[in-house]
Amino acid sequence: MDKNELRKTLAVHLANLKANLEAVPLEILKTKYRKPYDKLRHDIADAASAYVREVTFQGIRLRKDLFDTTRPQIEEAIRQSGILKQISAAAFRRQDIAEIDALALELRRRIKAVLKPVYDQYLCLYMTEDCFADPPRIPELYNEASGCICRNGVWIPWEIEKGAFLMYVYKKQSESPAPKTAA
């Protein structure tokens, strides 16, 4: 399902919960109507998770090996933010999808902040033969971490062409001091 369908599904579940809570006291929902109430809560949790995951990670690309090493930092940023608990409260206590939208976007912003140093480290100039022609073509930016090239200010997925090479823009500083040279 795409983001809009996921949001629509979540909105329907939240509307059902809101209507149930307005019509029947919570204690009766938890006892007499326990099975359908539990199913609705489970459906809301699944729909909210799928929707928030889609909003949060939509369009974010990262090589698998880099994701594996960055994953703990992403998980820590999510945990420290407390946003997942806030999303749960917005869903189950207030049935507020607009609040869920805002929280998912904040979570996305935090994850992108974790990924920024990774992307910066893998930023390259995409050099092709015509970059050395007369007149030379200006090299484009390519991000090896995401596998995207920047065209007209938009990062798009790109396969490196035969004959092209990458020149890194960012060079990681060595941890040992540079040797001193004699003057």
C-alpha atoms as a PDB file:
ATOM      1  CA  MET A   1       0.000   0.000   0.000  1.00  0.00           C
ATOM      2  CA  ASP A   2       1.144   3.530  -0.652  1.00  0.00           C
ATOM      3  CA  LYS A   3       1.265   6.287   1.942  1.00  0.00           C
ATOM      4  CA  ASN A   4      -2.202   7.677   1.124  1.00  0.00           C
ATOM      5  CA  GLU A   5      -3.867   4.259   1.346  1.00  0.00           C
ATOM      6  CA  LEU A   6      -2.110   3.538   4.636  1.00  0.00           C
ATOM      7  CA  ARG A   7      -3.242   6.893   6.024  1.00  0.00           C
ATOM      8  CA  LYS A   8      -6.821   6.285   4.876  1.00  0.00           C
ATOM      9  CA  THR A   9      -6.862   2.849   6.540  1.00  0.00           C
ATOM     10  CA  LEU A  10      -5.492   4.291   9.779  1.00  0.00           C
ATOM     11  CA  ALA A  11      -8.035   7.128   9.695  1.00  0.00           C
ATOM     12  CA  VAL A  12     -10.919   4.645   9.349  1.00  0.00           C
ATOM     13  CA  HIS A  13      -9.663   2.598  12.314  1.00  0.00           C
ATOM     14  CA  LEU A  14      -9.221   5.732  14.424  1.00  0.00           C
ATOM     15  CA  ALA A  15     -12.719   6.918  13.538  1.00  0.00           C
ATOM     16  CA  ASN A  16     -14.102   3.513  14.569  1.00  0.00           C
ATOM     17  CA  LEU A  17     -12.276   3.679  17.903  1.00  0.00           C
ATOM     18  CA  LYS A  18     -13.505   7.221  18.516  1.00  0.00           C
ATOM     19  CA  ALA A  19     -17.113   6.238  17.737  1.00  0.00           C
ATOM     20  CA  ASN A  20     -16.858   3.183  20.014  1.00  0.00           C
ATOM     21  CA  LEU A  21     -15.395   5.234  22.877  1.00  0.00           C
ATOM     22  CA  GLU A  22     -18.162   7.837  22.517  1.00  0.00           C
ATOM     23  CA  ALA A  23     -20.916   5.198  22.432  1.00  0.00           C
ATOM     24  CA  VAL A  24     -19.693   2.690  25.038  1.00  0.00           C
ATOM     25  CA  PRO A  25     -17.739   3.170  28.280  1.00  0.00           C
ATOM     26  CA  LEU A  26     -14.155   1.906  28.093  1.00  0.00           C
ATOM     27  CA  GLU A  27     -14.699  -0.720  30.804  1.00  0.00           C
ATOM     28  CA  ILE A  28     -17.505  -2.309  28.797  1.00  0.00           C
ATOM     29  CA  LEU A  29     -15.338  -2.244  25.644  1.00  0.00           C
ATOM     30  CA  LYS A  30     -12.600  -4.031  27.611  1.00  0.00           C
ATOM     31  CA  THR A  31     -14.980  -6.680  29.000  1.00  0.00           C
ATOM     32  CA  LYS A  32     -18.208  -7.288  27.085  1.00  0.00           C
ATOM     33  CA  TYR A  33     -16.741  -6.322  23.685  1.00  0.00           C
ATOM     34  CA  ARG A  34     -13.179  -7.442  24.457  1.00  0.00           C
ATOM     35  CA  LYS A  35     -12.532  -9.476  21.288  1.00  0.00           C
ATOM     36  CA  PRO A  36     -13.655  -6.845  18.745  1.00  0.00           C
ATOM     37  CA  TYR A  37     -12.047  -4.083  20.839  1.00  0.00           C
ATOM     38  CA  ASP A  38      -8.744  -5.969  20.978  1.00  0.00           C
ATOM     39  CA  LYS A  39      -8.930  -6.621  17.240  1.00  0.00           C
ATOM     40  CA  LEU A  40      -9.531  -2.922  16.551  1.00  0.00           C
ATOM     41  CA  ARG A  41      -6.588  -1.975  18.798  1.00  0.00           C
ATOM     42  CA  HIS A  42      -4.402  -4.503  16.983  1.00  0.00           C
ATOM     43  CA  ASP A  43      -5.560  -3.132  13.596  1.00  0.00           C
ATOM     44  CA  ILE A  44      -4.758   0.433  14.738  1.00  0.00           C
ATOM     45  CA  ALA A  45      -1.294  -0.593  15.955  1.00  0.00           C
ATOM     46  CA  ASP A  46      -0.535  -2.367  12.656  1.00  0.00           C
ATOM     47  CA  ALA A  47      -1.901   0.486  10.520  1.00  0.00           C
ATOM     48  CA  ALA A  48      -0.087   3.156  12.558  1.00  0.00           C
ATOM     49  CA  SER A  49       3.206   1.232  12.376  1.00  0.00           C
ATOM     50  CA  ALA A  50       2.935   0.747   8.616  1.00  0.00           C
ATOM     51  CA  TYR A  51       1.933   4.366   8.018  1.00  0.00           C
ATOM     52  CA  VAL A  52       4.628   5.879  10.249  1.00  0.00           C
ATOM     53  CA  ARG A  53       7.268   3.587   8.718  1.00  0.00           C
ATOM     54  CA  GLU A  54       6.224   4.684   5.219  1.00  0.00           C
ATOM     55  CA  VAL A  55       6.216   8.401   6.089  1.00  0.00           C
ATOM     56  CA  THR A  56       9.480   8.150   7.995  1.00  0.00           C
ATOM     57  CA  PHE A  57      11.522   6.184   5.469  1.00  0.00           C
ATOM     58  CA  GLN A  58       9.855   7.137   2.158  1.00  0.00           C
ATOM     59  CA  GLY A  59      12.528   7.908  -0.415  1.00  0.00           C
ATOM     60  CA  ILE A  60      15.420   7.396   1.998  1.00  0.00           C
ATOM     61  CA  ARG A  61      18.068   5.270   0.331  1.00  0.00           C
ATOM     62  CA  LEU A  62      21.153   3.808   1.959  1.00  0.00           C
ATOM     63  CA  ARG A  63      23.468   0.980   0.958  1.00  0.00           C
ATOM     64  CA  LYS A  64      22.763  -2.167   2.982  1.00  0.00           C
ATOM     65  CA  ASP A  65      26.261  -2.333   4.471  1.00  0.00           C
ATOM     66  CA  LEU A  66      25.983   1.300   5.599  1.00  0.00           C
ATOM     67  CA  PHE A  67      22.499   0.718   6.976  1.00  0.00           C
ATOM     68  CA  ASP A  68      23.766  -2.228   9.005  1.00  0.00           C
ATOM     69  CA  THR A  69      26.419  -0.027  10.645  1.00  0.00           C
ATOM     70  CA  THR A  70      24.105   3.001  11.016  1.00  0.00           C
ATOM     71  CA  ARG A  71      21.084   1.080  12.303  1.00  0.00           C
ATOM     72  CA  PRO A  72      22.065   1.297  16.011  1.00  0.00           C
ATOM     73  CA  GLN A  73      22.364   5.098  15.735  1.00  0.00           C
ATOM     74  CA  ILE A  74      18.959   5.309  14.037  1.00  0.00           C
ATOM     75  CA  GLU A  75      17.363   3.069  16.669  1.00  0.00           C
ATOM     76  CA  GLU A  76      18.935   5.140  19.459  1.00  0.00           C
ATOM     77  CA  ALA A  77      17.652   8.393  17.927  1.00  0.00           C
ATOM     78  CA  ILE A  78      14.159   6.873  17.710  1.00  0.00           C
ATOM     79  CA  ARG A  79      14.331   5.610  21.299  1.00  0.00           C
ATOM     80  CA  GLN A  80      15.648   8.890  22.723  1.00  0.00           C
ATOM     81  CA  SER A  81      13.011  10.934  20.900  1.00  0.00           C
ATOM     82  CA  GLY A  82      10.074   9.275  22.672  1.00  0.00           C
ATOM     83  CA  ILE A  83       8.063   9.889  19.512  1.00  0.00           C
ATOM     84  CA  LEU A  84       6.746   6.321  19.230  1.00  0.00           C
ATOM     85  CA  LYS A  85       5.035   6.676  22.637  1.00  0.00           C
ATOM     86  CA  GLN A  86       3.606  10.019  21.544  1.00  0.00           C
ATOM     87  CA  ILE A  87       2.266   8.422  18.353  1.00  0.00           C
ATOM     88  CA  SER A  88       0.639   5.682  20.425  1.00  0.00           C
ATOM     89  CA  ALA A  89      -1.023   8.299  22.651  1.00  0.00           C
ATOM     90  CA  ALA A  90      -2.185  10.282  19.624  1.00  0.00           C
ATOM     91  CA  ALA A  91      -3.758   7.133  18.198  1.00  0.00           C
ATOM     92  CA  PHE A  92      -5.284   5.447  21.246  1.00  0.00           C
ATOM     93  CA  ARG A  93      -6.086   8.389  23.523  1.00  0.00           C
ATOM     94  CA  ARG A  94      -6.930  11.180  21.093  1.00  0.00           C
ATOM     95  CA  GLN A  95      -7.485   9.424  17.724  1.00  0.00           C
ATOM     96  CA  ASP A  96      -5.656  12.379  16.140  1.00  0.00           C
ATOM     97  CA  ILE A  97      -4.211  11.537  12.736  1.00  0.00           C
ATOM     98  CA  ALA A  98      -2.938  15.096  12.174  1.00  0.00           C
ATOM     99  CA  GLU A  99      -0.808  14.737  15.301  1.00  0.00           C
ATOM    100  CA  ILE A 100       0.444  11.363  14.035  1.00  0.00           C
ATOM    101  CA  ASP A 101       1.392  13.035  10.735  1.00  0.00           C
ATOM    102  CA  ALA A 102       3.394  15.728  12.528  1.00  0.00           C
ATOM    103  CA  LEU A 103       5.133  13.217  14.801  1.00  0.00           C
ATOM    104  CA  ALA A 104       6.047  10.948  11.870  1.00  0.00           C
ATOM    105  CA  LEU A 105       7.576  13.915  10.051  1.00  0.00           C
ATOM    106  CA  GLU A 106       9.559  14.839  13.168  1.00  0.00           C
ATOM    107  CA  LEU A 107      10.813  11.273  13.397  1.00  0.00           C
ATOM    108  CA  ARG A 108      11.821  11.456   9.728  1.00  0.00           C
ATOM    109  CA  ARG A 109      13.723  14.684  10.400  1.00  0.00           C
ATOM    110  CA  ARG A 110      15.635  13.058  13.257  1.00  0.00           C
ATOM    111  CA  ILE A 111      16.548  10.009  11.186  1.00  0.00           C
ATOM    112  CA  LYS A 112      17.752  12.207   8.339  1.00  0.00           C
ATOM    113  CA  ALA A 113      19.918  14.095  10.841  1.00  0.00           C
ATOM    114  CA  VAL A 114      21.543  10.782  11.827  1.00  0.00           C
ATOM    115  CA  LEU A 115      22.103   9.938   8.151  1.00  0.00           C
ATOM    116  CA  LYS A 116      23.507  13.334   7.131  1.00  0.00           C
ATOM    117  CA  PRO A 117      27.101  12.643   8.263  1.00  0.00           C
ATOM    118  CA  VAL A 118      26.985   9.311   6.423  1.00  0.00           C
ATOM    119  CA  TYR A 119      25.748  10.964   3.228  1.00  0.00           C
ATOM    120  CA  ASP A 120      28.334  13.743   3.601  1.00  0.00           C
ATOM    121  CA  GLN A 121      31.123  11.198   3.873  1.00  0.00           C
ATOM    122  CA  TYR A 122      30.108   9.549   0.576  1.00  0.00           C
ATOM    123  CA  LEU A 123      29.521  12.693  -1.491  1.00  0.00           C
ATOM    124  CA  CYS A 124      31.390  12.549  -4.798  1.00  0.00           C
ATOM    125  CA  LEU A 125      31.885  14.382  -8.044  1.00  0.00           C
ATOM    126  CA  TYR A 126      30.570  12.218 -10.863  1.00  0.00           C
ATOM    127  CA  MET A 127      33.252  12.523 -13.514  1.00  0.00           C
ATOM    128  CA  THR A 128      32.760  11.443 -17.123  1.00  0.00           C
ATOM    129  CA  GLU A 129      34.875  11.908 -20.230  1.00  0.00           C
ATOM    130  CA  ASP A 130      33.012  15.058 -21.218  1.00  0.00           C
ATOM    131  CA  CYS A 131      34.145  16.707 -17.959  1.00  0.00           C
ATOM    132  CA  PHE A 132      37.576  16.883 -19.622  1.00  0.00           C
ATOM    133  CA  ALA A 133      36.348  18.014 -23.062  1.00  0.00           C
ATOM    134  CA  ASP A 134      36.781  21.506 -24.479  1.00  0.00           C
ATOM    135  CA  PRO A 135      34.694  23.173 -23.123  1.00  0.00           C
ATOM    136  CA  PRO A 136      34.465  20.916 -20.080  1.00  0.00           C
ATOM    137  CA  ARG A 137      31.141  19.857 -18.607  1.00  0.00           C
ATOM    138  CA  ILE A 138      30.750  20.574 -14.910  1.00  0.00           C
ATOM    139  CA  PRO A 139      30.715  17.301 -12.956  1.00  0.00           C
ATOM    140  CA  GLU A 140      27.509  16.346 -11.201  1.00  0.00           C
ATOM    141  CA  LEU A 141      27.180  15.403  -7.548  1.00  0.00           C
ATOM    142  CA  TYR A 142      26.761  11.723  -6.772  1.00  0.00           C
ATOM    143  CA  ASN A 143      26.188  10.114  -3.407  1.00  0.00           C
ATOM    144  CA  GLU A 144      27.696   6.672  -3.147  1.00  0.00           C
ATOM    145  CA  ALA A 145      25.836   5.952   0.109  1.00  0.00           C
ATOM    146  CA  SER A 146      22.433   6.410  -1.514  1.00  0.00           C
ATOM    147  CA  GLY A 147      23.314   5.558  -5.113  1.00  0.00           C
ATOM    148  CA  CYS A 148      21.764   8.831  -6.286  1.00  0.00           C
ATOM    149  CA  ILE A 149      22.893  11.637  -8.575  1.00  0.00           C
ATOM    150  CA  CYS A 150      21.798  15.249  -8.163  1.00  0.00           C
ATOM    151  CA  ARG A 151      19.986  16.539 -11.236  1.00  0.00           C
ATOM    152  CA  ASN A 152      18.302  19.951 -11.185  1.00  0.00           C
ATOM    153  CA  GLY A 153      18.433  19.965  -7.380  1.00  0.00           C
ATOM    154  CA  VAL A 154      16.750  16.547  -7.066  1.00  0.00           C
ATOM    155  CA  TRP A 155      18.493  13.344  -5.966  1.00  0.00           C
ATOM    156  CA  ILE A 156      17.537  10.479  -8.277  1.00  0.00           C
ATOM    157  CA  PRO A 157      18.666   6.832  -8.230  1.00  0.00           C
ATOM    158  CA  TRP A 158      21.547   6.339 -10.681  1.00  0.00           C
ATOM    159  CA  GLU A 159      23.732   3.508 -11.914  1.00  0.00           C
ATOM    160  CA  ILE A 160      27.351   4.519 -12.494  1.00  0.00           C
ATOM    161  CA  GLU A 161      28.023   4.490 -16.222  1.00  0.00           C
ATOM    162  CA  LYS A 162      30.941   2.657 -17.781  1.00  0.00           C
ATOM    163  CA  GLY A 163      33.953   4.966 -17.993  1.00  0.00           C
ATOM    164  CA  ALA A 164      32.722   7.276 -15.236  1.00  0.00           C
ATOM    165  CA  PHE A 165      34.629   7.655 -11.998  1.00  0.00           C
ATOM    166  CA  LEU A 166      33.950   9.198  -8.634  1.00  0.00           C
ATOM    167  CA  MET A 167      36.036  11.814  -6.887  1.00  0.00           C
ATOM    168  CA  TYR A 168      35.226  12.126  -3.184  1.00  0.00           C
ATOM    169  CA  VAL A 169      34.394  15.607  -1.957  1.00  0.00           C
ATOM    170  CA  TYR A 170      34.799  14.779   1.730  1.00  0.00           C
ATOM    171  CA  LYS A 171      37.957  13.270   3.107  1.00  0.00           C
ATOM    172  CA  LYS A 172      37.812  11.773   6.570  1.00  0.00           C
ATOM    173  CA  GLN A 173      40.523  13.170   8.802  1.00  0.00           C
ATOM    174  CA  SER A 174      43.049  10.591   9.914  1.00  0.00           C
ATOM    175  CA  GLU A 175      43.082   9.817  13.614  1.00  0.00           C
ATOM    176  CA  SER A 176      46.856  10.091  13.926  1.00  0.00           C
ATOM    177  CA  PRO A 177      48.533  13.485  13.604  1.00  0.00           C
ATOM    178  CA  ALA A 178      50.169  14.309  10.292  1.00  0.00           C
ATOM    179  CA  PRO A 179      53.930  13.753  10.244  1.00  0.00           C
ATOM    180  CA  LYS A 180      55.988  16.915  10.550  1.00  0.00           C
ATOM    181  CA  THR A 181      58.212  17.764   7.628  1.00  0.00           C
ATOM    182  CA  ALA A 182      61.621  19.348   7.920  1.00  0.00           C
ATOM    183  CA  ALA A 183      61.832  22.928   6.747  1.00  0.00           C
END
